[in-house]
Amino acid sequence: MGFNGESSWILVSDHFSRILHGTPRLSKACPVEWLRRFLTTYSPDCKEKYVVLDQGGELYGSPDVRNLFTEFGYDIRVTGADTSRQNAPVERAHRTVADGIRALLIGSNVPI
């Protein structure tokens, strides 16, 4: 739980620029407007763009998200259920950032 009530986060691993973009979220509600701003700012002008989504309900389960990626020219590639290894580059980034946050919290002696 974040200081401002954040209970989740979104992390985008941009394979084009090799940059990680992330933000804390108050809930796991679908961040359509955040994604629209992100894509407006960072979507590359190139062919064969794609996004990899797992079969979780928050993003892939949202028609608004699927329509948004289609609007910006992305193909949607879906991983199988419970197969995070199919999206290893992003899953590794999630793990690295989560481990870093965990280490900062432990080192700061902030009460649970």
PDB file of N, CA and C in Angstrom:
ATOM      1  N   MET A   1       0.852  -1.177   0.000  1.00  0.00           N
ATOM      2  CA  MET A   1       0.000   0.000   0.000  1.00  0.00           C
ATOM      3  C   MET A   1       0.892   1.232   0.000  1.00  0.00           C
ATOM      4  N   GLY A   2       0.637   2.137  -0.914  1.00  0.00           N
ATOM      5  CA  GLY A   2       1.421   3.357  -1.001  1.00  0.00           C
ATOM      6  C   GLY A   2       0.964   4.402   0.001  1.00  0.00           C
ATOM      7  N   PHE A   3       1.755   5.439   0.177  1.00  0.00           N
ATOM      8  CA  PHE A   3       1.416   6.506   1.117  1.00  0.00           C
ATOM      9  C   PHE A   3       0.122   7.220   0.730  1.00  0.00           C
ATOM     10  N   ASN A   4      -0.198   7.234  -0.547  1.00  0.00           N
ATOM     11  CA  ASN A   4      -1.406   7.908  -1.026  1.00  0.00           C
ATOM     12  C   ASN A   4      -2.521   6.928  -1.373  1.00  0.00           C
ATOM     13  N   GLY A   5      -2.418   5.700  -0.872  1.00  0.00           N
ATOM     14  CA  GLY A   5      -3.459   4.707  -1.100  1.00  0.00           C
ATOM     15  C   GLY A   5      -3.251   3.838  -2.326  1.00  0.00           C
ATOM     16  N   GLU A   6      -2.094   3.947  -2.972  1.00  0.00           N
ATOM     17  CA  GLU A   6      -1.840   3.137  -4.159  1.00  0.00           C
ATOM     18  C   GLU A   6      -1.777   1.663  -3.758  1.00  0.00           C
ATOM     19  N   SER A   7      -2.396   0.831  -4.570  1.00  0.00           N
ATOM     20  CA  SER A   7      -2.390  -0.598  -4.265  1.00  0.00           C
ATOM     21  C   SER A   7      -1.898  -1.439  -5.432  1.00  0.00           C
ATOM     22  N   SER A   8      -1.562  -0.797  -6.538  1.00  0.00           N
ATOM     23  CA  SER A   8      -1.041  -1.532  -7.693  1.00  0.00           C
ATOM     24  C   SER A   8      -0.192  -0.576  -8.525  1.00  0.00           C
ATOM     25  N   TRP A   9       0.337  -1.087  -9.599  1.00  0.00           N
ATOM     26  CA  TRP A   9       1.157  -0.261 -10.478  1.00  0.00           C
ATOM     27  C   TRP A   9       1.121  -0.829 -11.884  1.00  0.00           C
ATOM     28  N   ILE A  10       1.485   0.008 -12.836  1.00  0.00           N
ATOM     29  CA  ILE A  10       1.579  -0.445 -14.226  1.00  0.00           C
ATOM     30  C   ILE A  10       2.995  -0.147 -14.688  1.00  0.00           C
ATOM     31  N   LEU A  11       3.564  -1.103 -15.404  1.00  0.00           N
ATOM     32  CA  LEU A  11       4.910  -0.947 -15.940  1.00  0.00           C
ATOM     33  C   LEU A  11       4.879  -1.314 -17.416  1.00  0.00           C
ATOM     34  N   VAL A  12       5.364  -0.411 -18.249  1.00  0.00           N
ATOM     35  CA  VAL A  12       5.443  -0.647 -19.684  1.00  0.00           C
ATOM     36  C   VAL A  12       6.907  -0.783 -20.040  1.00  0.00           C
ATOM     37  N   SER A  13       7.257  -1.904 -20.637  1.00  0.00           N
ATOM     38  CA  SER A  13       8.616  -2.120 -21.113  1.00  0.00           C
ATOM     39  C   SER A  13       8.629  -1.831 -22.610  1.00  0.00           C
ATOM     40  N   ASP A  14       9.225  -0.706 -22.985  1.00  0.00           N
ATOM     41  CA  ASP A  14       9.251  -0.265 -24.374  1.00  0.00           C
ATOM     42  C   ASP A  14      10.471  -0.884 -25.065  1.00  0.00           C
ATOM     43  N   HIS A  15      10.228  -1.887 -25.887  1.00  0.00           N
ATOM     44  CA  HIS A  15      11.331  -2.573 -26.564  1.00  0.00           C
ATOM     45  C   HIS A  15      11.970  -1.702 -27.643  1.00  0.00           C
ATOM     46  N   PHE A  16      11.253  -0.715 -28.138  1.00  0.00           N
ATOM     47  CA  PHE A  16      11.777   0.176 -29.167  1.00  0.00           C
ATOM     48  C   PHE A  16      12.864   1.079 -28.593  1.00  0.00           C
ATOM     49  N   SER A  17      12.576   1.711 -27.442  1.00  0.00           N
ATOM     50  CA  SER A  17      13.531   2.640 -26.846  1.00  0.00           C
ATOM     51  C   SER A  17      14.335   2.016 -25.707  1.00  0.00           C
ATOM     52  N   ARG A  18      13.918   0.827 -25.252  1.00  0.00           N
ATOM     53  CA  ARG A  18      14.545   0.126 -24.128  1.00  0.00           C
ATOM     54  C   ARG A  18      14.360   0.879 -22.806  1.00  0.00           C
ATOM     55  N   ILE A  19      13.268   1.622 -22.694  1.00  0.00           N
ATOM     56  CA  ILE A  19      12.971   2.390 -21.488  1.00  0.00           C
ATOM     57  C   ILE A  19      11.793   1.742 -20.770  1.00  0.00           C
ATOM     58  N   LEU A  20      11.842   1.750 -19.438  1.00  0.00           N
ATOM     59  CA  LEU A  20      10.712   1.301 -18.625  1.00  0.00           C
ATOM     60  C   LEU A  20       9.918   2.528 -18.188  1.00  0.00           C
ATOM     61  N   HIS A  21       8.616   2.478 -18.364  1.00  0.00           N
ATOM     62  CA  HIS A  21       7.725   3.552 -17.946  1.00  0.00           C
ATOM     63  C   HIS A  21       6.758   2.959 -16.932  1.00  0.00           C
ATOM     64  N   GLY A  22       6.571   3.623 -15.810  1.00  0.00           N
ATOM     65  CA  GLY A  22       5.662   3.081 -14.817  1.00  0.00           C
ATOM     66  C   GLY A  22       5.001   4.161 -13.998  1.00  0.00           C
ATOM     67  N   THR A  23       3.942   3.755 -13.322  1.00  0.00           N
ATOM     68  CA  THR A  23       3.221   4.658 -12.442  1.00  0.00           C
ATOM     69  C   THR A  23       2.454   3.852 -11.402  1.00  0.00           C
ATOM     70  N   PRO A  24       2.387   4.359 -10.166  1.00  0.00           N
ATOM     71  CA  PRO A  24       1.552   3.680  -9.166  1.00  0.00           C
ATOM     72  C   PRO A  24       0.085   3.967  -9.455  1.00  0.00           C
ATOM     73  N   ARG A  25      -0.781   3.055  -9.057  1.00  0.00           N
ATOM     74  CA  ARG A  25      -2.217   3.180  -9.323  1.00  0.00           C
ATOM     75  C   ARG A  25      -3.000   2.989  -8.031  1.00  0.00           C
ATOM     76  N   LEU A  26      -4.119   3.665  -7.924  1.00  0.00           N
ATOM     77  CA  LEU A  26      -4.974   3.524  -6.749  1.00  0.00           C
ATOM     78  C   LEU A  26      -5.716   2.198  -6.747  1.00  0.00           C
ATOM     79  N   SER A  27      -5.903   1.615  -7.920  1.00  0.00           N
ATOM     80  CA  SER A  27      -6.597   0.333  -8.001  1.00  0.00           C
ATOM     81  C   SER A  27      -6.125  -0.392  -9.257  1.00  0.00           C
ATOM     82  N   LYS A  28      -6.624  -1.604  -9.441  1.00  0.00           N
ATOM     83  CA  LYS A  28      -6.298  -2.354 -10.650  1.00  0.00           C
ATOM     84  C   LYS A  28      -7.271  -2.047 -11.777  1.00  0.00           C
ATOM     85  N   ALA A  29      -8.051  -0.982 -11.611  1.00  0.00           N
ATOM     86  CA  ALA A  29      -8.975  -0.572 -12.667  1.00  0.00           C
ATOM     87  C   ALA A  29      -8.189  -0.289 -13.944  1.00  0.00           C
ATOM     88  N   CYS A  30      -8.797  -0.539 -15.052  1.00  0.00           N
ATOM     89  CA  CYS A  30      -8.147  -0.405 -16.348  1.00  0.00           C
ATOM     90  C   CYS A  30      -7.714   1.051 -16.594  1.00  0.00           C
ATOM     91  N   PRO A  31      -6.410   1.300 -16.810  1.00  0.00           N
ATOM     92  CA  PRO A  31      -5.901   2.668 -16.964  1.00  0.00           C
ATOM     93  C   PRO A  31      -5.953   3.164 -18.407  1.00  0.00           C
ATOM     94  N   VAL A  32      -7.147   3.198 -18.993  1.00  0.00           N
ATOM     95  CA  VAL A  32      -7.289   3.538 -20.412  1.00  0.00           C
ATOM     96  C   VAL A  32      -6.743   4.932 -20.711  1.00  0.00           C
ATOM     97  N   GLU A  33      -7.087   5.917 -19.908  1.00  0.00           N
ATOM     98  CA  GLU A  33      -6.619   7.285 -20.194  1.00  0.00           C
ATOM     99  C   GLU A  33      -5.108   7.412 -20.022  1.00  0.00           C
ATOM    100  N   TRP A  34      -4.526   6.724 -19.037  1.00  0.00           N
ATOM    101  CA  TRP A  34      -3.064   6.737 -18.885  1.00  0.00           C
ATOM    102  C   TRP A  34      -2.411   6.108 -20.109  1.00  0.00           C
ATOM    103  N   LEU A  35      -2.965   4.992 -20.565  1.00  0.00           N
ATOM    104  CA  LEU A  35      -2.423   4.335 -21.756  1.00  0.00           C
ATOM    105  C   LEU A  35      -2.555   5.229 -22.984  1.00  0.00           C
ATOM    106  N   ARG A  36      -3.676   5.929 -23.131  1.00  0.00           N
ATOM    107  CA  ARG A  36      -3.856   6.837 -24.277  1.00  0.00           C
ATOM    108  C   ARG A  36      -2.791   7.932 -24.255  1.00  0.00           C
ATOM    109  N   ARG A  37      -2.552   8.544 -23.076  1.00  0.00           N
ATOM    110  CA  ARG A  37      -1.508   9.579 -22.981  1.00  0.00           C
ATOM    111  C   ARG A  37      -0.136   8.989 -23.276  1.00  0.00           C
ATOM    112  N   PHE A  38       0.119   7.789 -22.761  1.00  0.00           N
ATOM    113  CA  PHE A  38       1.399   7.133 -23.001  1.00  0.00           C
ATOM    114  C   PHE A  38       1.606   6.886 -24.496  1.00  0.00           C
ATOM    115  N   LEU A  39       0.610   6.304 -25.149  1.00  0.00           N
ATOM    116  CA  LEU A  39       0.741   5.990 -26.575  1.00  0.00           C
ATOM    117  C   LEU A  39       0.839   7.252 -27.420  1.00  0.00           C
ATOM    118  N   THR A  40       0.129   8.292 -27.048  1.00  0.00           N
ATOM    119  CA  THR A  40       0.214   9.555 -27.780  1.00  0.00           C
ATOM    120  C   THR A  40       1.632  10.117 -27.706  1.00  0.00           C
ATOM    121  N   THR A  41       2.268   9.957 -26.564  1.00  0.00           N
ATOM    122  CA  THR A  41       3.614  10.499 -26.364  1.00  0.00           C
ATOM    123  C   THR A  41       4.710   9.595 -26.896  1.00  0.00           C
ATOM    124  N   TYR A  42       4.593   8.272 -26.683  1.00  0.00           N
ATOM    125  CA  TYR A  42       5.723   7.377 -26.914  1.00  0.00           C
ATOM    126  C   TYR A  42       5.552   6.353 -28.029  1.00  0.00           C
ATOM    127  N   SER A  43       4.397   6.248 -28.631  1.00  0.00           N
ATOM    128  CA  SER A  43       4.212   5.232 -29.666  1.00  0.00           C
ATOM    129  C   SER A  43       5.123   5.520 -30.865  1.00  0.00           C
ATOM    130  N   PRO A  44       5.985   4.570 -31.224  1.00  0.00           N
ATOM    131  CA  PRO A  44       6.914   4.826 -32.328  1.00  0.00           C
ATOM    132  C   PRO A  44       6.190   4.797 -33.671  1.00  0.00           C
ATOM    133  N   ASP A  45       6.745   5.497 -34.624  1.00  0.00           N
ATOM    134  CA  ASP A  45       6.199   5.510 -35.981  1.00  0.00           C
ATOM    135  C   ASP A  45       6.944   4.447 -36.786  1.00  0.00           C
ATOM    136  N   CYS A  46       6.508   3.217 -36.642  1.00  0.00           N
ATOM    137  CA  CYS A  46       7.159   2.126 -37.345  1.00  0.00           C
ATOM    138  C   CYS A  46       6.128   1.050 -37.667  1.00  0.00           C
ATOM    139  N   LYS A  47       6.509   0.115 -38.506  1.00  0.00           N
ATOM    140  CA  LYS A  47       5.627  -0.981 -38.875  1.00  0.00           C
ATOM    141  C   LYS A  47       5.778  -2.125 -37.872  1.00  0.00           C
ATOM    142  N   GLU A  48       4.807  -3.010 -37.906  1.00  0.00           N
ATOM    143  CA  GLU A  48       4.834  -4.249 -37.125  1.00  0.00           C
ATOM    144  C   GLU A  48       4.962  -4.009 -35.621  1.00  0.00           C
ATOM    145  N   LYS A  49       4.232  -3.018 -35.104  1.00  0.00           N
ATOM    146  CA  LYS A  49       4.200  -2.778 -33.661  1.00  0.00           C
ATOM    147  C   LYS A  49       3.289  -3.827 -33.028  1.00  0.00           C
ATOM    148  N   TYR A  50       3.645  -4.236 -31.832  1.00  0.00           N
ATOM    149  CA  TYR A  50       2.795  -5.182 -31.122  1.00  0.00           C
ATOM    150  C   TYR A  50       2.872  -4.939 -29.627  1.00  0.00           C
ATOM    151  N   VAL A  51       1.856  -5.408 -28.948  1.00  0.00           N
ATOM    152  CA  VAL A  51       1.808  -5.349 -27.496  1.00  0.00           C
ATOM    153  C   VAL A  51       1.488  -6.768 -27.020  1.00  0.00           C
ATOM    154  N   VAL A  52       2.140  -7.180 -25.936  1.00  0.00           N
ATOM    155  CA  VAL A  52       1.908  -8.507 -25.367  1.00  0.00           C
ATOM    156  C   VAL A  52       1.111  -8.320 -24.080  1.00  0.00           C
ATOM    157  N   LEU A  53      -0.030  -8.979 -24.003  1.00  0.00           N
ATOM    158  CA  LEU A  53      -0.886  -8.905 -22.821  1.00  0.00           C
ATOM    159  C   LEU A  53      -1.161 -10.310 -22.319  1.00  0.00           C
ATOM    160  N   ASP A  54      -1.252 -10.444 -20.992  1.00  0.00           N
ATOM    161  CA  ASP A  54      -1.670 -11.740 -20.469  1.00  0.00           C
ATOM    162  C   ASP A  54      -3.195 -11.797 -20.492  1.00  0.00           C
ATOM    163  N   GLN A  55      -3.743 -12.919 -20.134  1.00  0.00           N
ATOM    164  CA  GLN A  55      -5.187 -13.093 -20.223  1.00  0.00           C
ATOM    165  C   GLN A  55      -5.925 -12.574 -18.995  1.00  0.00           C
ATOM    166  N   GLY A  56      -5.235 -11.777 -18.178  1.00  0.00           N
ATOM    167  CA  GLY A  56      -5.882 -11.184 -17.010  1.00  0.00           C
ATOM    168  C   GLY A  56      -7.000 -10.250 -17.422  1.00  0.00           C
ATOM    169  N   GLY A  57      -7.903 -10.004 -16.537  1.00  0.00           N
ATOM    170  CA  GLY A  57      -9.084  -9.225 -16.855  1.00  0.00           C
ATOM    171  C   GLY A  57      -8.863  -7.736 -17.000  1.00  0.00           C
ATOM    172  N   GLU A  58      -7.805  -7.175 -16.389  1.00  0.00           N
ATOM    173  CA  GLU A  58      -7.663  -5.728 -16.363  1.00  0.00           C
ATOM    174  C   GLU A  58      -7.395  -5.129 -17.742  1.00  0.00           C
ATOM    175  N   LEU A  59      -6.473  -5.662 -18.492  1.00  0.00           N
ATOM    176  CA  LEU A  59      -6.126  -5.069 -19.780  1.00  0.00           C
ATOM    177  C   LEU A  59      -6.713  -5.852 -20.950  1.00  0.00           C
ATOM    178  N   TYR A  60      -6.331  -7.095 -21.079  1.00  0.00           N
ATOM    179  CA  TYR A  60      -6.822  -7.871 -22.214  1.00  0.00           C
ATOM    180  C   TYR A  60      -8.339  -8.020 -22.159  1.00  0.00           C
ATOM    181  N   GLY A  61      -8.901  -8.081 -20.972  1.00  0.00           N
ATOM    182  CA  GLY A  61     -10.341  -8.242 -20.829  1.00  0.00           C
ATOM    183  C   GLY A  61     -11.130  -6.976 -21.132  1.00  0.00           C
ATOM    184  N   SER A  62     -10.449  -5.872 -21.375  1.00  0.00           N
ATOM    185  CA  SER A  62     -11.126  -4.599 -21.634  1.00  0.00           C
ATOM    186  C   SER A  62     -11.196  -4.309 -23.136  1.00  0.00           C
ATOM    187  N   PRO A  63     -12.399  -4.250 -23.695  1.00  0.00           N
ATOM    188  CA  PRO A  63     -12.514  -3.880 -25.114  1.00  0.00           C
ATOM    189  C   PRO A  63     -11.938  -2.493 -25.383  1.00  0.00           C
ATOM    190  N   ASP A  64     -12.025  -1.573 -24.400  1.00  0.00           N
ATOM    191  CA  ASP A  64     -11.473  -0.225 -24.585  1.00  0.00           C
ATOM    192  C   ASP A  64      -9.968  -0.269 -24.804  1.00  0.00           C
ATOM    193  N   VAL A  65      -9.277  -1.136 -24.070  1.00  0.00           N
ATOM    194  CA  VAL A  65      -7.826  -1.260 -24.224  1.00  0.00           C
ATOM    195  C   VAL A  65      -7.496  -1.886 -25.570  1.00  0.00           C
ATOM    196  N   ARG A  66      -8.186  -2.930 -25.927  1.00  0.00           N
ATOM    197  CA  ARG A  66      -7.929  -3.571 -27.227  1.00  0.00           C
ATOM    198  C   ARG A  66      -8.173  -2.586 -28.364  1.00  0.00           C
ATOM    199  N   ASN A  67      -9.259  -1.808 -28.287  1.00  0.00           N
ATOM    200  CA  ASN A  67      -9.546  -0.806 -29.321  1.00  0.00           C
ATOM    201  C   ASN A  67      -8.481   0.284 -29.343  1.00  0.00           C
ATOM    202  N   LEU A  68      -7.984   0.673 -28.183  1.00  0.00           N
ATOM    203  CA  LEU A  68      -6.948   1.701 -28.101  1.00  0.00           C
ATOM    204  C   LEU A  68      -5.676   1.251 -28.808  1.00  0.00           C
ATOM    205  N   PHE A  69      -5.222   0.033 -28.524  1.00  0.00           N
ATOM    206  CA  PHE A  69      -4.013  -0.451 -29.181  1.00  0.00           C
ATOM    207  C   PHE A  69      -4.218  -0.599 -30.685  1.00  0.00           C
ATOM    208  N   THR A  70      -5.392  -1.033 -31.089  1.00  0.00           N
ATOM    209  CA  THR A  70      -5.698  -1.134 -32.518  1.00  0.00           C
ATOM    210  C   THR A  70      -5.679   0.250 -33.164  1.00  0.00           C
ATOM    211  N   GLU A  71      -6.252   1.234 -32.486  1.00  0.00           N
ATOM    212  CA  GLU A  71      -6.265   2.617 -32.975  1.00  0.00           C
ATOM    213  C   GLU A  71      -4.852   3.144 -33.221  1.00  0.00           C
ATOM    214  N   PHE A  72      -3.904   2.750 -32.377  1.00  0.00           N
ATOM    215  CA  PHE A  72      -2.525   3.201 -32.511  1.00  0.00           C
ATOM    216  C   PHE A  72      -1.679   2.271 -33.381  1.00  0.00           C
ATOM    217  N   GLY A  73      -2.310   1.277 -34.022  1.00  0.00           N
ATOM    218  CA  GLY A  73      -1.615   0.430 -34.982  1.00  0.00           C
ATOM    219  C   GLY A  73      -0.852  -0.743 -34.410  1.00  0.00           C
ATOM    220  N   TYR A  74      -1.229  -1.206 -33.226  1.00  0.00           N
ATOM    221  CA  TYR A  74      -0.552  -2.330 -32.590  1.00  0.00           C
ATOM    222  C   TYR A  74      -1.316  -3.626 -32.824  1.00  0.00           C
ATOM    223  N   ASP A  75      -0.582  -4.702 -33.080  1.00  0.00           N
ATOM    224  CA  ASP A  75      -1.158  -6.039 -33.024  1.00  0.00           C
ATOM    225  C   ASP A  75      -1.144  -6.466 -31.564  1.00  0.00           C
ATOM    226  N   ILE A  76      -2.161  -7.188 -31.138  1.00  0.00           N
ATOM    227  CA  ILE A  76      -2.217  -7.663 -29.760  1.00  0.00           C
ATOM    228  C   ILE A  76      -1.839  -9.132 -29.740  1.00  0.00           C
ATOM    229  N   ARG A  77      -0.794  -9.445 -28.990  1.00  0.00           N
ATOM    230  CA  ARG A  77      -0.352 -10.830 -28.809  1.00  0.00           C
ATOM    231  C   ARG A  77      -0.684 -11.231 -27.378  1.00  0.00           C
ATOM    232  N   VAL A  78      -1.337 -12.364 -27.243  1.00  0.00           N
ATOM    233  CA  VAL A  78      -1.823 -12.794 -25.933  1.00  0.00           C
ATOM    234  C   VAL A  78      -1.026 -14.002 -25.466  1.00  0.00           C
ATOM    235  N   THR A  79      -0.596 -13.963 -24.209  1.00  0.00           N
ATOM    236  CA  THR A  79       0.090 -15.117 -23.632  1.00  0.00           C
ATOM    237  C   THR A  79      -0.952 -16.110 -23.129  1.00  0.00           C
ATOM    238  N   GLY A  80      -0.536 -17.339 -22.963  1.00  0.00           N
ATOM    239  CA  GLY A  80      -1.421 -18.351 -22.412  1.00  0.00           C
ATOM    240  C   GLY A  80      -1.663 -18.098 -20.931  1.00  0.00           C
ATOM    241  N   ALA A  81      -2.701 -18.727 -20.420  1.00  0.00           N
ATOM    242  CA  ALA A  81      -3.017 -18.578 -18.999  1.00  0.00           C
ATOM    243  C   ALA A  81      -1.874 -19.114 -18.137  1.00  0.00           C
ATOM    244  N   ASP A  82      -1.485 -18.345 -17.117  1.00  0.00           N
ATOM    245  CA  ASP A  82      -0.437 -18.741 -16.165  1.00  0.00           C
ATOM    246  C   ASP A  82       0.884 -19.106 -16.839  1.00  0.00           C
ATOM    247  N   THR A  83       1.234 -18.382 -17.891  1.00  0.00           N
ATOM    248  CA  THR A  83       2.507 -18.628 -18.589  1.00  0.00           C
ATOM    249  C   THR A  83       3.270 -17.312 -18.745  1.00  0.00           C
ATOM    250  N   SER A  84       3.645 -16.727 -17.624  1.00  0.00           N
ATOM    251  CA  SER A  84       4.347 -15.449 -17.672  1.00  0.00           C
ATOM    252  C   SER A  84       5.672 -15.561 -18.421  1.00  0.00           C
ATOM    253  N   ARG A  85       6.219 -16.756 -18.526  1.00  0.00           N
ATOM    254  CA  ARG A  85       7.486 -16.920 -19.253  1.00  0.00           C
ATOM    255  C   ARG A  85       7.345 -16.551 -20.733  1.00  0.00           C
ATOM    256  N   GLN A  86       6.118 -16.544 -21.263  1.00  0.00           N
ATOM    257  CA  GLN A  86       5.909 -16.148 -22.654  1.00  0.00           C
ATOM    258  C   GLN A  86       6.122 -14.648 -22.846  1.00  0.00           C
ATOM    259  N   ASN A  87       6.175 -13.906 -21.767  1.00  0.00           N
ATOM    260  CA  ASN A  87       6.408 -12.469 -21.830  1.00  0.00           C
ATOM    261  C   ASN A  87       7.585 -12.119 -20.916  1.00  0.00           C
ATOM    262  N   ALA A  88       8.634 -12.916 -21.036  1.00  0.00           N
ATOM    263  CA  ALA A  88       9.777 -12.835 -20.119  1.00  0.00           C
ATOM    264  C   ALA A  88      10.418 -11.448 -20.007  1.00  0.00           C
ATOM    265  N   PRO A  89      10.637 -10.697 -21.098  1.00  0.00           N
ATOM    266  CA  PRO A  89      11.293  -9.389 -20.935  1.00  0.00           C
ATOM    267  C   PRO A  89      10.525  -8.448 -20.010  1.00  0.00           C
ATOM    268  N   VAL A  90       9.210  -8.448 -20.101  1.00  0.00           N
ATOM    269  CA  VAL A  90       8.412  -7.566 -19.243  1.00  0.00           C
ATOM    270  C   VAL A  90       8.329  -8.138 -17.836  1.00  0.00           C
ATOM    271  N   GLU A  91       8.145  -9.436 -17.723  1.00  0.00           N
ATOM    272  CA  GLU A  91       8.055 -10.044 -16.395  1.00  0.00           C
ATOM    273  C   GLU A  91       9.349  -9.835 -15.619  1.00  0.00           C
ATOM    274  N   ARG A  92      10.481  -9.896 -16.288  1.00  0.00           N
ATOM    275  CA  ARG A  92      11.760  -9.664 -15.620  1.00  0.00           C
ATOM    276  C   ARG A  92      11.850  -8.222 -15.125  1.00  0.00           C
ATOM    277  N   ALA A  93      11.380  -7.287 -15.948  1.00  0.00           N
ATOM    278  CA  ALA A  93      11.385  -5.885 -15.540  1.00  0.00           C
ATOM    279  C   ALA A  93      10.485  -5.676 -14.329  1.00  0.00           C
ATOM    280  N   HIS A  94       9.315  -6.300 -14.319  1.00  0.00           N
ATOM    281  CA  HIS A  94       8.415  -6.208 -13.159  1.00  0.00           C
ATOM    282  C   HIS A  94       9.114  -6.718 -11.903  1.00  0.00           C
ATOM    283  N   ARG A  95       9.780  -7.840 -12.034  1.00  0.00           N
ATOM    284  CA  ARG A  95      10.456  -8.433 -10.876  1.00  0.00           C
ATOM    285  C   ARG A  95      11.588  -7.530 -10.378  1.00  0.00           C
ATOM    286  N   THR A  96      12.357  -6.976 -11.300  1.00  0.00           N
ATOM    287  CA  THR A  96      13.472  -6.107 -10.925  1.00  0.00           C
ATOM    288  C   THR A  96      12.975  -4.865 -10.197  1.00  0.00           C
ATOM    289  N   VAL A  97      11.954  -4.218 -10.730  1.00  0.00           N
ATOM    290  CA  VAL A  97      11.419  -3.017 -10.094  1.00  0.00           C
ATOM    291  C   VAL A  97      10.794  -3.363  -8.747  1.00  0.00           C
ATOM    292  N   ALA A  98      10.017  -4.448  -8.679  1.00  0.00           N
ATOM    293  CA  ALA A  98       9.387  -4.854  -7.416  1.00  0.00           C
ATOM    294  C   ALA A  98      10.441  -5.162  -6.353  1.00  0.00           C
ATOM    295  N   ASP A  99      11.505  -5.847  -6.743  1.00  0.00           N
ATOM    296  CA  ASP A  99      12.573  -6.148  -5.792  1.00  0.00           C
ATOM    297  C   ASP A  99      13.253  -4.865  -5.303  1.00  0.00           C
ATOM    298  N   GLY A 100      13.443  -3.896  -6.199  1.00  0.00           N
ATOM    299  CA  GLY A 100      14.046  -2.627  -5.813  1.00  0.00           C
ATOM    300  C   GLY A 100      13.179  -1.852  -4.833  1.00  0.00           C
ATOM    301  N   ILE A 101      11.873  -1.824  -5.101  1.00  0.00           N
ATOM    302  CA  ILE A 101      10.942  -1.145  -4.186  1.00  0.00           C
ATOM    303  C   ILE A 101      10.944  -1.836  -2.831  1.00  0.00           C
ATOM    304  N   ARG A 102      10.917  -3.164  -2.844  1.00  0.00           N
ATOM    305  CA  ARG A 102      10.936  -3.931  -1.600  1.00  0.00           C
ATOM    306  C   ARG A 102      12.199  -3.605  -0.799  1.00  0.00           C
ATOM    307  N   ALA A 103      13.349  -3.542  -1.465  1.00  0.00           N
ATOM    308  CA  ALA A 103      14.614  -3.235  -0.784  1.00  0.00           C
ATOM    309  C   ALA A 103      14.596  -1.825  -0.195  1.00  0.00           C
ATOM    310  N   LEU A 104      14.037  -0.852  -0.922  1.00  0.00           N
ATOM    311  CA  LEU A 104      13.939   0.509  -0.407  1.00  0.00           C
ATOM    312  C   LEU A 104      13.054   0.568   0.833  1.00  0.00           C
ATOM    313  N   LEU A 105      11.935  -0.144   0.797  1.00  0.00           N
ATOM    314  CA  LEU A 105      11.029  -0.135   1.945  1.00  0.00           C
ATOM    315  C   LEU A 105      11.657  -0.802   3.161  1.00  0.00           C
ATOM    316  N   ILE A 106      12.336  -1.921   2.949  1.00  0.00           N
ATOM    317  CA  ILE A 106      12.994  -2.599   4.060  1.00  0.00           C
ATOM    318  C   ILE A 106      14.095  -1.709   4.645  1.00  0.00           C
ATOM    319  N   GLY A 107      14.867  -1.079   3.776  1.00  0.00           N
ATOM    320  CA  GLY A 107      15.960  -0.226   4.233  1.00  0.00           C
ATOM    321  C   GLY A 107      15.512   1.053   4.913  1.00  0.00           C
ATOM    322  N   SER A 108      14.297   1.490   4.646  1.00  0.00           N
ATOM    323  CA  SER A 108      13.828   2.753   5.229  1.00  0.00           C
ATOM    324  C   SER A 108      13.230   2.574   6.616  1.00  0.00           C
ATOM    325  N   ASN A 109      13.040   1.335   7.037  1.00  0.00           N
ATOM    326  CA  ASN A 109      12.441   1.034   8.350  1.00  0.00           C
ATOM    327  C   ASN A 109      11.046   1.650   8.512  1.00  0.00           C
ATOM    328  N   VAL A 110      10.314   1.774   7.401  1.00  0.00           N
ATOM    329  CA  VAL A 110       8.936   2.258   7.467  1.00  0.00           C
ATOM    330  C   VAL A 110       8.089   1.172   8.098  1.00  0.00           C
ATOM    331  N   PRO A 111       7.262   1.520   9.084  1.00  0.00           N
ATOM    332  CA  PRO A 111       6.435   0.483   9.715  1.00  0.00           C
ATOM    333  C   PRO A 111       5.480  -0.154   8.696  1.00  0.00           C
ATOM    334  N   ILE A 112       5.218  -1.443   8.910  1.00  0.00           N
ATOM    335  CA  ILE A 112       4.325  -2.162   8.015  1.00  0.00           C
ATOM    336  C   ILE A 112       2.960  -1.515   8.017  1.00  0.00           C
TER     337      ILE A 112
END
